[in-house]
Amino acid sequence: MSTANTCGNAAILTQARGGGREEVAMSLDKTKSDGTVGKALEILDLVASFGRPVRFSDVLDVAEFPKATVYRFIQTLTSQGMLSYDPDRQTYALGIRLVRLAHSAWQQSSLAPVAHPHIEKLARDVGETVHLAQLDHAQVLYVDKIDPGKPIEMFSQAGKVGPAYCTGVGKAMMAYLEAPHLAEVIGQQSFHVFTEFTLSDETALRAELVDIRSNGYGFDREEHEPDIICVALPILTARGRVLGALSVTSSTQRTSLAALEALVPRIQMAVTAIANEAESWRFPDQSKFQSIETAKG
């Protein structure tokens, strides 16, 4: 994997190598938005969740809006550069304006630029894929992903979202959430069964989270994708707030969970360095903005 491994809007998005439209629809079940902006964002999420260029009919099949509403939003998003349209194939994809916004968001994040050199070095040292992830509502957002010389085909990629309950990074972060926040996040999991090893109910998930908190790290035991395994550690502030998670991911064809577990001390070094540096991060003009706000107050 590269910049983002295991684990927006709800719980399941179509996988890169397949997945039915019903899974895309499930991802919106718990995130119905009111208002023009909310509906427009839902359309963007829908297009993104397919993981490929889509036709108008694809979006219409899973959107819970009238045809005229979907058409109007798609036309507006396209005119604003948030979506792009291929007239030859008659398909829509995420637009270049979103790419620019995503790049800006990455640069302004206190975690991504700080973590990048650390995860690059970690990937070189261990020879496996390293993911940096954060929680996005009840899902996992892969913020960065670094592949070694022999990458493995998998779902994750930077900028993609995935389920939290069946990924190493997702469970590592959930294990350290405060009880009210954890209850909210668990309540939004779909518990869709991806493989025979997927944790399919709240009881099993909570038991796993207790173990993760006790050990300080967790695993993905082929729970999201067959043959894909990982060990993941949370990135925490000095006060225990969850900043994100780091994972080392591989395949059962190449290594074992025991071998990945042996890498925990090395991963912990990277996690600690990232947490320390992220807490001290300051945007160049942050103090100026604070001064302006203080003056207004």
Protein backbone atom coordinates (compact mmCIF):
# COMPACT_ATOMS: atom_id res chain seq x y z
CA MET A 1 0.00 0.00 0.00
CA SER A 2 1.03 3.51 -0.24
CA THR A 3 -0.12 6.65 1.47
CA ALA A 4 -3.11 5.23 3.32
CA ASN A 5 -4.07 1.68 4.29
CA THR A 6 -6.63 -0.02 6.14
CA CYS A 7 -9.50 1.98 7.24
CA GLY A 8 -17.08 10.93 5.29
CA ASN A 9 -20.15 9.88 5.35
CA ALA A 10 -21.06 6.52 6.67
CA ALA A 11 -19.57 3.18 6.58
CA ILE A 12 -18.98 1.55 3.26
CA LEU A 13 -17.72 2.82 -0.05
CA THR A 14 -17.31 0.84 -3.21
CA GLN A 15 -13.97 -0.90 -3.31
CA ALA A 16 -11.43 0.03 -5.96
CA ARG A 17 -11.49 -3.43 -7.47
CA GLY A 18 -15.23 -3.84 -7.41
CA GLY A 19 -18.28 -3.36 -5.28
CA GLY A 20 -21.91 -2.92 -6.07
CA ARG A 21 -24.01 0.16 -6.20
CA GLU A 22 -25.80 -1.02 -3.09
CA GLU A 23 -22.57 -0.41 -1.15
CA VAL A 24 -22.39 3.15 -2.42
CA ALA A 25 -25.98 3.69 -1.36
CA MET A 26 -25.19 2.31 2.09
CA SER A 27 -22.50 4.94 2.48
CA LEU A 28 -25.14 7.64 2.36
CA ASP A 29 -27.75 6.07 4.61
CA LYS A 30 -26.62 7.91 7.71
CA THR A 31 -25.58 11.19 6.17
CA LYS A 32 -28.64 12.71 4.59
CA SER A 33 -28.00 16.43 4.36
CA ASP A 34 -30.37 19.33 4.38
CA GLY A 35 -29.74 22.47 2.39
CA THR A 36 -28.16 23.20 -0.95
CA VAL A 37 -24.53 22.90 0.15
CA GLY A 38 -25.14 19.63 1.95
CA LYS A 39 -26.84 18.10 -1.07
CA ALA A 40 -24.07 19.25 -3.40
CA LEU A 41 -21.49 17.66 -1.11
CA GLU A 42 -23.48 14.43 -1.12
CA ILE A 43 -23.31 14.37 -4.91
CA LEU A 44 -19.53 14.88 -4.75
CA ASP A 45 -19.22 12.09 -2.19
CA LEU A 46 -21.26 9.82 -4.43
CA VAL A 47 -19.12 10.44 -7.49
CA ALA A 48 -15.96 9.92 -5.43
CA SER A 49 -17.23 6.70 -3.87
CA PHE A 50 -17.46 4.91 -7.22
CA GLY A 51 -13.70 5.14 -7.61
CA ARG A 52 -14.02 5.64 -11.38
CA PRO A 53 -15.66 8.01 -13.87
CA VAL A 54 -19.44 7.63 -13.71
CA ARG A 55 -22.41 8.28 -15.93
CA PHE A 56 -25.31 10.44 -14.87
CA SER A 57 -27.46 7.30 -14.57
CA ASP A 58 -24.97 5.79 -12.08
CA VAL A 59 -25.36 8.75 -9.74
CA LEU A 60 -29.12 8.90 -10.23
CA ASP A 61 -29.47 5.22 -9.28
CA VAL A 62 -28.06 5.78 -5.78
CA ALA A 63 -28.88 9.44 -5.08
CA GLU A 64 -32.00 10.03 -3.04
CA PHE A 65 -32.91 13.19 -4.92
CA PRO A 66 -35.25 13.76 -7.87
CA LYS A 67 -33.69 13.50 -11.33
CA ALA A 68 -33.98 17.25 -11.94
CA THR A 69 -32.22 18.00 -8.65
CA VAL A 70 -29.35 15.62 -9.38
CA TYR A 71 -28.96 17.08 -12.87
CA ARG A 72 -28.93 20.65 -11.56
CA PHE A 73 -26.29 19.93 -8.93
CA ILE A 74 -24.08 18.02 -11.36
CA GLN A 75 -24.23 20.85 -13.87
CA THR A 76 -23.37 23.42 -11.21
CA LEU A 77 -20.51 21.35 -9.79
CA THR A 78 -19.14 20.84 -13.30
CA SER A 79 -19.31 24.54 -14.15
CA GLN A 80 -17.40 25.32 -10.94
CA GLY A 81 -14.65 22.82 -11.68
CA MET A 82 -15.60 20.50 -8.83
CA LEU A 83 -16.55 17.84 -11.38
CA SER A 84 -15.19 17.28 -14.87
CA TYR A 85 -17.17 15.94 -17.82
CA ASP A 86 -15.88 13.72 -20.63
CA PRO A 87 -18.21 14.31 -23.60
CA ASP A 88 -16.84 11.33 -25.54
CA ARG A 89 -17.54 8.82 -22.79
CA GLN A 90 -20.36 10.88 -21.25
CA THR A 91 -18.91 10.40 -17.79
CA TYR A 92 -18.22 12.59 -14.78
CA ALA A 93 -15.19 12.54 -12.49
CA LEU A 94 -13.81 14.67 -9.68
CA GLY A 95 -12.55 17.98 -11.04
CA ILE A 96 -9.17 19.67 -10.96
CA ARG A 97 -10.46 22.30 -8.53
CA LEU A 98 -10.93 19.55 -5.96
CA VAL A 99 -7.36 18.43 -6.56
CA ARG A 100 -6.12 21.93 -5.80
CA LEU A 101 -8.26 22.11 -2.66
CA ALA A 102 -7.05 18.69 -1.53
CA HIS A 103 -3.44 19.71 -2.03
CA SER A 104 -4.02 22.89 -0.04
CA ALA A 105 -5.72 20.94 2.75
CA TRP A 106 -2.80 18.50 2.86
CA GLN A 107 -0.30 21.36 3.12
CA GLN A 108 -2.27 23.03 5.91
CA SER A 109 -2.69 19.86 7.94
CA SER A 110 -0.49 19.67 11.01
CA LEU A 111 -0.17 15.90 10.56
CA ALA A 112 0.43 15.14 6.88
CA PRO A 113 3.54 17.23 6.13
CA VAL A 114 5.07 16.38 9.50
CA ALA A 115 4.44 12.66 9.08
CA HIS A 116 5.50 12.26 5.46
CA PRO A 117 9.29 12.02 5.93
CA HIS A 118 8.81 9.66 8.87
CA ILE A 119 6.55 7.27 6.98
CA GLU A 120 8.84 7.38 3.95
CA LYS A 121 11.75 6.29 6.14
CA LEU A 122 9.64 3.66 7.89
CA ALA A 123 8.56 2.16 4.56
CA ARG A 124 12.19 2.00 3.42
CA ASP A 125 13.31 0.43 6.68
CA VAL A 126 10.65 -2.29 6.87
CA GLY A 127 10.11 -2.85 3.15
CA GLU A 128 6.33 -2.80 3.45
CA THR A 129 3.49 -0.38 2.73
CA VAL A 130 2.93 2.31 5.35
CA HIS A 131 -0.36 4.16 5.77
CA LEU A 132 -1.16 7.39 7.57
CA ALA A 133 -4.85 7.77 8.36
CA GLN A 134 -7.26 9.95 10.28
CA LEU A 135 -10.90 9.58 11.29
CA ASP A 136 -13.33 11.37 8.99
CA HIS A 137 -16.59 11.31 10.92
CA ALA A 138 -17.10 7.54 11.30
CA GLN A 139 -14.79 6.47 8.49
CA VAL A 140 -11.08 6.27 7.88
CA LEU A 141 -9.44 8.80 5.58
CA TYR A 142 -6.14 7.67 4.13
CA VAL A 143 -4.03 10.81 4.32
CA ASP A 144 -0.79 9.38 3.00
CA LYS A 145 0.53 6.08 1.73
CA ILE A 146 4.05 5.00 0.90
CA ASP A 147 4.75 1.83 -1.05
CA PRO A 148 8.07 -0.01 -0.98
CA GLY A 149 9.76 -1.37 -4.08
CA LYS A 150 7.28 -4.24 -4.40
CA PRO A 151 3.83 -2.78 -3.68
CA ILE A 152 0.79 -4.96 -3.14
CA GLU A 153 -2.50 -4.25 -4.86
CA MET A 154 -5.01 -3.12 -2.26
CA PHE A 155 -7.97 -0.84 -1.64
CA SER A 156 -6.21 2.03 0.06
CA GLN A 157 -4.79 5.12 -1.56
CA ALA A 158 -4.22 8.66 -0.37
CA GLY A 159 -7.43 10.65 -0.31
CA LYS A 160 -9.66 7.59 -0.19
CA VAL A 161 -12.02 6.73 2.64
CA GLY A 162 -12.78 3.30 4.03
CA PRO A 163 -14.53 1.61 6.93
CA ALA A 164 -13.20 2.00 10.46
CA TYR A 165 -14.49 -1.19 12.10
CA CYS A 166 -12.54 -3.61 9.91
CA THR A 167 -9.24 -1.84 9.28
CA GLY A 168 -6.16 -1.70 11.46
CA VAL A 169 -5.87 2.08 11.45
CA GLY A 170 -9.58 2.49 12.07
CA LYS A 171 -9.61 0.23 15.11
CA ALA A 172 -6.37 1.71 16.46
CA MET A 173 -7.97 5.16 16.49
CA MET A 174 -11.35 4.03 17.79
CA ALA A 175 -9.73 2.26 20.74
CA TYR A 176 -8.53 5.59 22.13
CA LEU A 177 -11.65 7.69 21.65
CA GLU A 178 -13.54 9.03 24.66
CA ALA A 179 -16.65 6.97 25.46
CA PRO A 180 -19.27 9.40 24.04
CA HIS A 181 -17.32 9.87 20.81
CA LEU A 182 -16.69 6.14 20.50
CA ALA A 183 -20.39 5.38 20.93
CA GLU A 184 -21.20 7.87 18.18
CA VAL A 185 -18.63 6.39 15.80
CA ILE A 186 -19.66 2.78 16.49
CA GLY A 187 -23.29 3.75 15.95
CA GLN A 188 -22.42 4.78 12.40
CA GLN A 189 -20.65 1.57 11.40
CA SER A 190 -22.47 -0.64 8.90
CA PHE A 191 -20.75 -3.89 9.93
CA HIS A 192 -20.92 -5.04 6.34
CA VAL A 193 -19.14 -8.38 6.01
CA PHE A 194 -16.27 -8.05 3.53
CA THR A 195 -14.51 -11.33 4.32
CA GLU A 196 -14.97 -14.33 6.60
CA PHE A 197 -12.80 -12.52 9.17
CA THR A 198 -14.73 -9.23 9.30
CA LEU A 199 -15.94 -8.14 12.74
CA SER A 200 -19.65 -8.09 12.08
CA ASP A 201 -21.21 -6.70 15.25
CA GLU A 202 -20.67 -4.13 17.99
CA THR A 203 -19.90 -6.69 20.70
CA ALA A 204 -17.00 -8.20 18.77
CA LEU A 205 -15.68 -4.77 17.84
CA ARG A 206 -15.75 -3.45 21.40
CA ALA A 207 -13.93 -6.54 22.67
CA GLU A 208 -11.24 -5.98 20.04
CA LEU A 209 -10.91 -2.30 20.99
CA VAL A 210 -10.32 -3.26 24.63
CA ASP A 211 -7.45 -5.52 23.55
CA ILE A 212 -5.99 -2.81 21.33
CA ARG A 213 -6.03 -0.26 24.13
CA SER A 214 -4.39 -2.78 26.45
CA ASN A 215 -1.63 -3.68 23.98
CA GLY A 216 -1.16 -0.27 22.38
CA TYR A 217 -1.58 -1.60 18.86
CA GLY A 218 -3.99 -3.61 16.75
CA PHE A 219 -4.24 -5.70 13.61
CA ASP A 220 -6.19 -6.11 10.43
CA ARG A 221 -6.52 -9.87 10.05
CA GLU A 222 -7.83 -9.99 6.48
CA GLU A 223 -10.96 -8.24 7.74
CA HIS A 224 -11.37 -5.76 4.90
CA GLU A 225 -9.61 -7.52 2.02
CA PRO A 226 -8.57 -11.15 1.58
CA ASP A 227 -4.84 -11.75 2.15
CA ILE A 228 -4.23 -8.17 3.36
CA ILE A 229 -2.92 -7.86 6.93
CA CYS A 230 -1.46 -5.02 8.95
CA VAL A 231 -0.35 -3.84 12.35
CA ALA A 232 -1.46 -0.34 13.35
CA LEU A 233 -0.65 2.12 16.12
CA PRO A 234 -2.53 5.28 17.12
CA ILE A 235 -0.89 8.70 16.97
CA LEU A 236 -1.78 10.43 20.24
CA THR A 237 -1.08 13.80 21.79
CA ALA A 238 0.52 14.03 25.23
CA ARG A 239 -2.99 14.24 26.66
CA GLY A 240 -4.21 11.20 24.78
CA ARG A 241 -6.16 12.91 22.00
CA VAL A 242 -6.26 10.90 18.78
CA LEU A 243 -4.46 12.62 15.91
CA GLY A 244 -4.44 9.67 13.53
CA ALA A 245 -2.90 6.24 13.08
CA LEU A 246 0.02 4.59 11.32
CA SER A 247 0.03 1.09 9.89
CA VAL A 248 2.45 -1.26 8.21
CA THR A 249 0.58 -3.41 5.72
CA SER A 250 1.48 -6.52 3.80
CA SER A 251 0.07 -9.73 2.38
CA THR A 252 -0.29 -13.18 3.89
CA GLN A 253 1.60 -14.37 0.81
CA ARG A 254 4.62 -12.35 1.91
CA THR A 255 4.66 -12.23 5.70
CA SER A 256 2.76 -13.06 8.89
CA LEU A 257 1.03 -11.17 11.67
CA ALA A 258 3.81 -12.25 14.02
CA ALA A 259 6.41 -10.71 11.73
CA LEU A 260 4.41 -7.48 11.53
CA GLU A 261 4.01 -7.45 15.32
CA ALA A 262 7.79 -7.58 15.65
CA LEU A 263 7.89 -4.20 13.90
CA VAL A 264 5.85 -2.47 16.64
CA PRO A 265 8.88 -0.89 18.41
CA ARG A 266 10.07 0.60 15.12
CA ILE A 267 6.59 1.88 14.27
CA GLN A 268 6.26 3.32 17.78
CA MET A 269 9.37 5.41 17.21
CA ALA A 270 7.81 6.94 14.11
CA VAL A 271 4.47 7.47 15.84
CA THR A 272 6.10 9.24 18.79
CA ALA A 273 8.15 11.51 16.53
CA ILE A 274 5.10 12.41 14.45
CA ALA A 275 2.98 13.16 17.52
CA ASN A 276 5.65 15.38 19.07
CA GLU A 277 6.24 17.33 15.88
CA ALA A 278 2.54 17.65 15.03
CA GLU A 279 1.77 19.15 18.43
CA SER A 280 4.38 21.86 17.94
CA TRP A 281 3.31 22.63 14.35
CA ARG A 282 2.33 26.24 13.65
CA PHE A 283 1.10 27.74 10.40
CA PRO A 284 3.37 30.64 9.40
CA ASP A 285 0.65 33.24 9.86
CA GLN A 286 -1.32 31.63 12.67
CA SER A 287 -0.19 34.13 15.32
CA LYS A 288 -1.25 36.98 13.06
CA PHE A 289 -4.75 35.57 12.74
CA GLN A 290 -4.92 35.07 16.50
CA SER A 291 -3.88 38.69 17.05
CA ILE A 292 -6.60 39.90 14.70
CA GLU A 293 -9.23 37.85 16.49
CA THR A 294 -8.01 39.09 19.88
CA ALA A 295 -8.21 42.69 18.69
CA LYS A 296 -11.76 42.13 17.46
CA GLY A 297 -12.71 40.64 20.82
